[in-house]
């Protein structure tokens, strides 16, 4: 050893560690390392330990007493007091920086920058920022809606009914509005789609003034949109089956 005269050995029989920054117990006056300088760690004399007077330290910022337990270090308690409870201006300014509190129940961690979940839009700490770490319930709620064909069928029926209403002449609009829904309910999906396309083509051929360019009319575009919706619905239903 190059410097044998530096440091002292811990006087705990089970340790005997050479510590260059040893601690001296103020009760039994023995030398101990950082792991055994606590009264309970080296089995200090219980009579002097119980009758020993403890001084409660004062916070250097707010000048308030900070009590601590006998088996705890006052430095740890003082640090926790400054981080959470100190009412001084420097401590409050320091806490304002860490304002992004974790939204997970039971977690009190605050971060300097926010970590927002892309699913539930809530803020979390670094440990709970992933969806699996905070049990994001948005995924569970959205999963059945994507595989439910009932909503797609309702949208398709609404588009089909709107198309039928657009094909009605102005003078017979009140009569056909009561017949079209009954007819659409008795037809199958493919028959209703074919009937809608035939009405669109017949209406476009009977018009006197046709568009000068080759662009599709509004009714033809709607018919194509219905056909595309029907195709997507059938593919989704076949996939679910």
Protein backbone atom coordinates (compact mmCIF):
# COMPACT_ATOMS: atom_id res chain seq x y z
CA UNK A 1 0.00 0.00 0.00
CA UNK A 2 1.43 3.37 -1.03
CA UNK A 3 -0.10 5.49 1.78
CA UNK A 4 -0.64 3.20 4.79
CA UNK A 5 -0.84 6.09 7.23
CA UNK A 6 -3.97 7.57 5.60
CA UNK A 7 -7.45 6.60 6.75
CA UNK A 8 -8.63 4.44 9.60
CA UNK A 9 -10.22 1.03 9.87
CA UNK A 10 -13.86 0.64 10.78
CA UNK A 11 -14.12 -0.70 14.32
CA UNK A 12 -17.15 -2.82 13.52
CA UNK A 13 -15.88 -6.41 14.00
CA UNK A 14 -17.62 -7.69 10.90
CA UNK A 15 -16.29 -4.88 8.67
CA UNK A 16 -12.76 -3.57 9.44
CA UNK A 17 -12.87 -1.51 6.25
CA UNK A 18 -10.13 1.06 5.64
CA UNK A 19 -12.02 4.32 5.20
CA UNK A 20 -10.23 7.51 4.16
CA UNK A 21 -13.15 9.62 5.42
CA UNK A 22 -14.21 7.82 8.60
CA UNK A 23 -16.92 8.85 11.04
CA UNK A 24 -16.55 9.07 14.79
CA UNK A 25 -19.59 8.14 16.83
CA UNK A 26 -20.38 10.95 19.26
CA UNK A 27 -21.79 8.43 21.71
CA UNK A 28 -19.23 5.63 21.97
CA UNK A 29 -16.37 7.65 20.39
CA UNK A 30 -15.36 4.83 18.04
CA UNK A 31 -14.41 5.05 14.37
CA UNK A 32 -16.77 3.64 11.74
CA UNK A 33 -17.16 3.68 7.98
CA UNK A 34 -20.07 5.22 6.11
CA UNK A 35 -22.06 1.97 6.34
CA UNK A 36 -21.74 1.54 10.13
CA UNK A 37 -21.58 5.04 11.61
CA UNK A 38 -25.32 4.98 12.36
CA UNK A 39 -26.15 4.04 15.96
CA UNK A 40 -28.21 1.04 14.94
CA UNK A 41 -25.63 -0.22 12.46
CA UNK A 42 -22.83 -0.70 14.97
CA UNK A 43 -25.06 -1.55 17.98
CA UNK A 44 -24.15 1.53 19.93
CA UNK A 45 -24.71 1.58 23.70
CA UNK A 46 -28.46 1.69 24.08
CA UNK A 47 -28.43 3.60 27.38
CA UNK A 48 -26.52 6.57 25.96
CA UNK A 49 -28.39 6.30 22.66
CA UNK A 50 -31.84 6.62 24.21
CA UNK A 51 -30.84 9.37 26.62
CA UNK A 52 -28.95 11.34 23.96
CA UNK A 53 -30.30 14.77 23.08
CA UNK A 54 -31.16 15.32 19.44
CA UNK A 55 -31.01 18.75 17.91
CA UNK A 56 -33.57 19.51 15.25
CA UNK A 57 -31.86 21.31 12.38
CA UNK A 58 -33.24 24.54 10.92
CA UNK A 59 -33.82 25.00 7.25
CA UNK A 60 -31.24 27.45 5.88
CA UNK A 61 -33.81 28.89 3.45
CA UNK A 62 -37.02 29.32 5.44
CA UNK A 63 -35.47 29.10 8.94
CA UNK A 64 -38.05 26.52 10.03
CA UNK A 65 -37.24 23.41 12.14
CA UNK A 66 -37.12 20.15 10.18
CA UNK A 67 -37.67 17.15 12.46
CA UNK A 68 -36.29 13.76 11.48
CA UNK A 69 -36.40 10.24 12.85
CA UNK A 70 -33.61 8.83 15.00
CA UNK A 71 -32.66 6.20 12.46
CA UNK A 72 -32.50 8.67 9.55
CA UNK A 73 -29.87 11.11 8.43
CA UNK A 74 -30.80 14.78 8.88
CA UNK A 75 -29.37 15.61 5.46
CA UNK A 76 -31.88 13.36 3.71
CA UNK A 77 -34.80 14.86 5.62
CA UNK A 78 -33.56 18.40 4.95
CA UNK A 79 -33.23 17.71 1.23
CA UNK A 80 -36.77 16.33 1.09
CA UNK A 81 -38.04 19.39 2.97
CA UNK A 82 -36.44 21.79 0.48
CA UNK A 83 -37.84 19.83 -2.48
CA UNK A 84 -41.44 19.62 -1.20
CA UNK A 85 -42.31 21.75 1.83
CA UNK A 86 -39.98 24.73 1.98
CA UNK A 87 -41.83 28.05 1.55
CA UNK A 88 -38.82 30.19 0.71
CA UNK A 89 -38.58 31.93 -2.64
CA UNK A 90 -35.56 29.97 -3.94
CA UNK A 91 -37.18 26.62 -3.14
CA UNK A 92 -40.51 27.60 -4.71
CA UNK A 93 -38.78 28.86 -7.84
CA UNK A 94 -36.97 25.56 -8.09
CA UNK A 95 -40.21 23.59 -7.81
CA UNK A 96 -41.87 25.69 -10.52
CA UNK A 97 -39.44 24.28 -13.07
CA UNK A 98 -40.69 20.73 -12.48
CA UNK A 99 -44.40 21.24 -13.15
CA UNK A 100 -45.10 18.24 -15.39
CA UNK A 101 -46.58 15.78 -12.91
CA UNK A 102 -47.15 12.17 -13.90
CA UNK A 103 -50.84 11.34 -14.50
CA UNK A 104 -50.50 7.73 -13.31
CA UNK A 105 -52.37 7.10 -10.08
CA UNK A 106 -49.96 6.79 -7.17
CA UNK A 107 -46.97 8.32 -9.00
CA UNK A 108 -45.82 11.74 -7.74
CA UNK A 109 -42.88 12.17 -10.08
CA UNK A 110 -42.49 15.53 -11.84
CA UNK A 111 -40.42 16.12 -14.94
CA UNK A 112 -38.76 19.15 -16.47
CA UNK A 113 -40.33 18.46 -19.89
CA UNK A 114 -43.73 16.85 -20.61
CA UNK A 115 -44.16 13.33 -21.99
CA UNK A 116 -47.65 13.23 -23.53
CA UNK A 117 -49.16 9.91 -24.60
CA UNK A 118 -50.32 9.94 -28.23
CA UNK A 119 -53.37 7.81 -27.38
CA UNK A 120 -54.87 9.21 -24.17
CA UNK A 121 -53.23 12.69 -24.44
CA UNK A 122 -52.09 12.65 -20.79
CA UNK A 123 -48.72 13.59 -19.35
CA UNK A 124 -46.51 10.96 -17.71
CA UNK A 125 -43.03 10.70 -16.25
CA UNK A 126 -40.10 8.99 -17.94
CA UNK A 127 -40.83 5.60 -16.35
CA UNK A 128 -44.53 5.60 -17.34
CA UNK A 129 -44.39 7.36 -20.71
CA UNK A 130 -45.03 4.21 -22.78
CA UNK A 131 -48.58 2.90 -23.34
CA UNK A 132 -47.82 -0.43 -21.70
CA UNK A 133 -46.36 1.27 -18.62
CA UNK A 134 -49.47 3.31 -17.76
CA UNK A 135 -52.07 0.78 -19.06
CA UNK A 136 -53.46 3.12 -21.68
CA UNK A 137 -57.20 2.33 -21.87
CA UNK A 138 -57.67 4.20 -25.16
CA UNK A 139 -56.36 1.20 -27.11
CA UNK A 140 -58.92 -1.07 -25.45
CA UNK A 141 -61.78 1.30 -26.28
CA UNK A 142 -60.74 1.84 -29.90
CA UNK A 143 -60.09 -1.81 -30.78
CA UNK A 144 -63.75 -3.00 -30.99
CA UNK A 145 -64.88 0.04 -32.99
CA UNK A 146 -62.48 -0.70 -35.86
CA UNK A 147 -63.75 -4.25 -36.32
CA UNK A 148 -67.45 -3.51 -35.85
CA UNK A 149 -69.23 -3.69 -39.26
CA UNK A 150 -72.46 -2.18 -37.92
CA UNK A 151 -71.15 1.38 -38.08
CA UNK A 152 -69.98 0.85 -41.68
CA UNK A 153 -73.38 -0.55 -42.61
CA UNK A 154 -75.15 2.46 -41.07
CA UNK A 155 -72.96 4.86 -43.03
CA UNK A 156 -73.61 2.96 -46.23
CA UNK A 157 -77.37 3.03 -45.68
CA UNK A 158 -77.27 6.76 -45.01
CA UNK A 159 -75.36 7.38 -48.25
CA UNK A 160 -77.77 5.16 -50.17
CA UNK A 161 -80.81 6.98 -48.78
CA UNK A 162 -79.28 10.36 -49.63
CA UNK A 163 -78.64 9.16 -53.19
CA UNK A 164 -82.25 8.01 -53.62
CA UNK A 165 -83.55 11.35 -52.39
CA UNK A 166 -81.38 13.23 -54.88
CA UNK A 167 -82.81 11.20 -57.78
CA UNK A 168 -86.43 12.17 -57.05
CA UNK A 169 -88.14 14.71 -59.39
CA UNK A 170 -89.41 17.86 -57.68
CA UNK A 171 -93.10 17.19 -58.40
CA UNK A 172 -93.08 13.64 -57.01
CA UNK A 173 -90.72 14.16 -54.13
CA UNK A 174 -93.27 13.66 -51.38
CA UNK A 175 -94.52 10.39 -52.85
CA UNK A 176 -91.18 8.75 -53.41
CA UNK A 177 -89.72 9.66 -50.03
CA UNK A 178 -92.10 7.22 -48.36
CA UNK A 179 -91.43 4.40 -50.86
CA UNK A 180 -87.67 4.50 -51.16
CA UNK A 181 -86.85 3.50 -47.58
CA UNK A 182 -89.24 0.52 -47.77
CA UNK A 183 -87.77 -0.53 -51.09
CA UNK A 184 -84.23 -0.17 -49.86
CA UNK A 185 -84.94 -2.35 -46.85
CA UNK A 186 -86.43 -5.16 -48.97
CA UNK A 187 -83.53 -5.18 -51.44
CA UNK A 188 -80.21 -6.78 -50.78
CA UNK A 189 -77.07 -4.69 -50.77
CA UNK A 190 -76.01 -5.63 -54.30
CA UNK A 191 -79.54 -5.13 -55.75
CA UNK A 192 -79.87 -1.72 -54.12
CA UNK A 193 -76.51 -0.68 -55.49
CA UNK A 194 -77.40 -1.80 -59.02
CA UNK A 195 -80.73 -0.01 -58.80
CA UNK A 196 -79.04 3.19 -57.70
CA UNK A 197 -76.54 3.06 -60.57
CA UNK A 198 -79.32 2.44 -63.12
CA UNK A 199 -81.28 5.44 -61.83
CA UNK A 200 -78.19 7.61 -62.06
CA UNK A 201 -77.43 6.56 -65.63
CA UNK A 202 -81.05 6.96 -66.71
CA UNK A 203 -81.28 10.41 -65.18
CA UNK A 204 -78.07 11.58 -66.84
CA UNK A 205 -79.20 10.29 -70.29
CA UNK A 206 -82.56 12.09 -70.09
CA UNK A 207 -81.04 15.47 -69.45
CA UNK A 208 -81.04 17.84 -72.40
CA UNK A 209 -77.95 19.78 -71.46
CA UNK A 210 -74.91 17.63 -70.91
CA UNK A 211 -71.56 18.88 -69.60
CA UNK A 212 -69.25 20.17 -72.28
CA UNK A 213 -66.23 18.43 -70.81
CA UNK A 214 -65.71 14.75 -70.01
CA UNK A 215 -65.94 15.19 -66.23
CA UNK A 216 -68.42 13.07 -64.27
CA UNK A 217 -71.61 14.66 -63.03
CA UNK A 218 -72.32 14.96 -59.32
CA UNK A 219 -74.78 12.05 -59.39
CA UNK A 220 -72.31 9.79 -61.19
CA UNK A 221 -69.62 10.66 -58.66
CA UNK A 222 -72.02 9.79 -55.86
CA UNK A 223 -72.86 6.48 -57.54
CA UNK A 224 -69.18 5.61 -57.81
CA UNK A 225 -68.70 6.55 -54.17
CA UNK A 226 -71.53 4.22 -53.19
CA UNK A 227 -70.01 1.41 -55.21
CA UNK A 228 -66.66 1.93 -53.53
CA UNK A 229 -68.28 1.99 -50.08
CA UNK A 230 -70.16 -1.20 -50.87
CA UNK A 231 -66.95 -2.90 -51.96
CA UNK A 232 -65.07 -1.86 -48.82
CA UNK A 233 -67.95 -3.02 -46.61
CA UNK A 234 -68.10 -6.46 -48.28
CA UNK A 235 -64.33 -6.88 -47.94
CA UNK A 236 -64.47 -5.94 -44.25
CA UNK A 237 -67.38 -8.30 -43.60
CA UNK A 238 -65.60 -11.17 -45.35
CA UNK A 239 -62.50 -10.49 -43.29
CA UNK A 240 -64.45 -10.56 -40.01
CA UNK A 241 -66.23 -13.78 -40.98
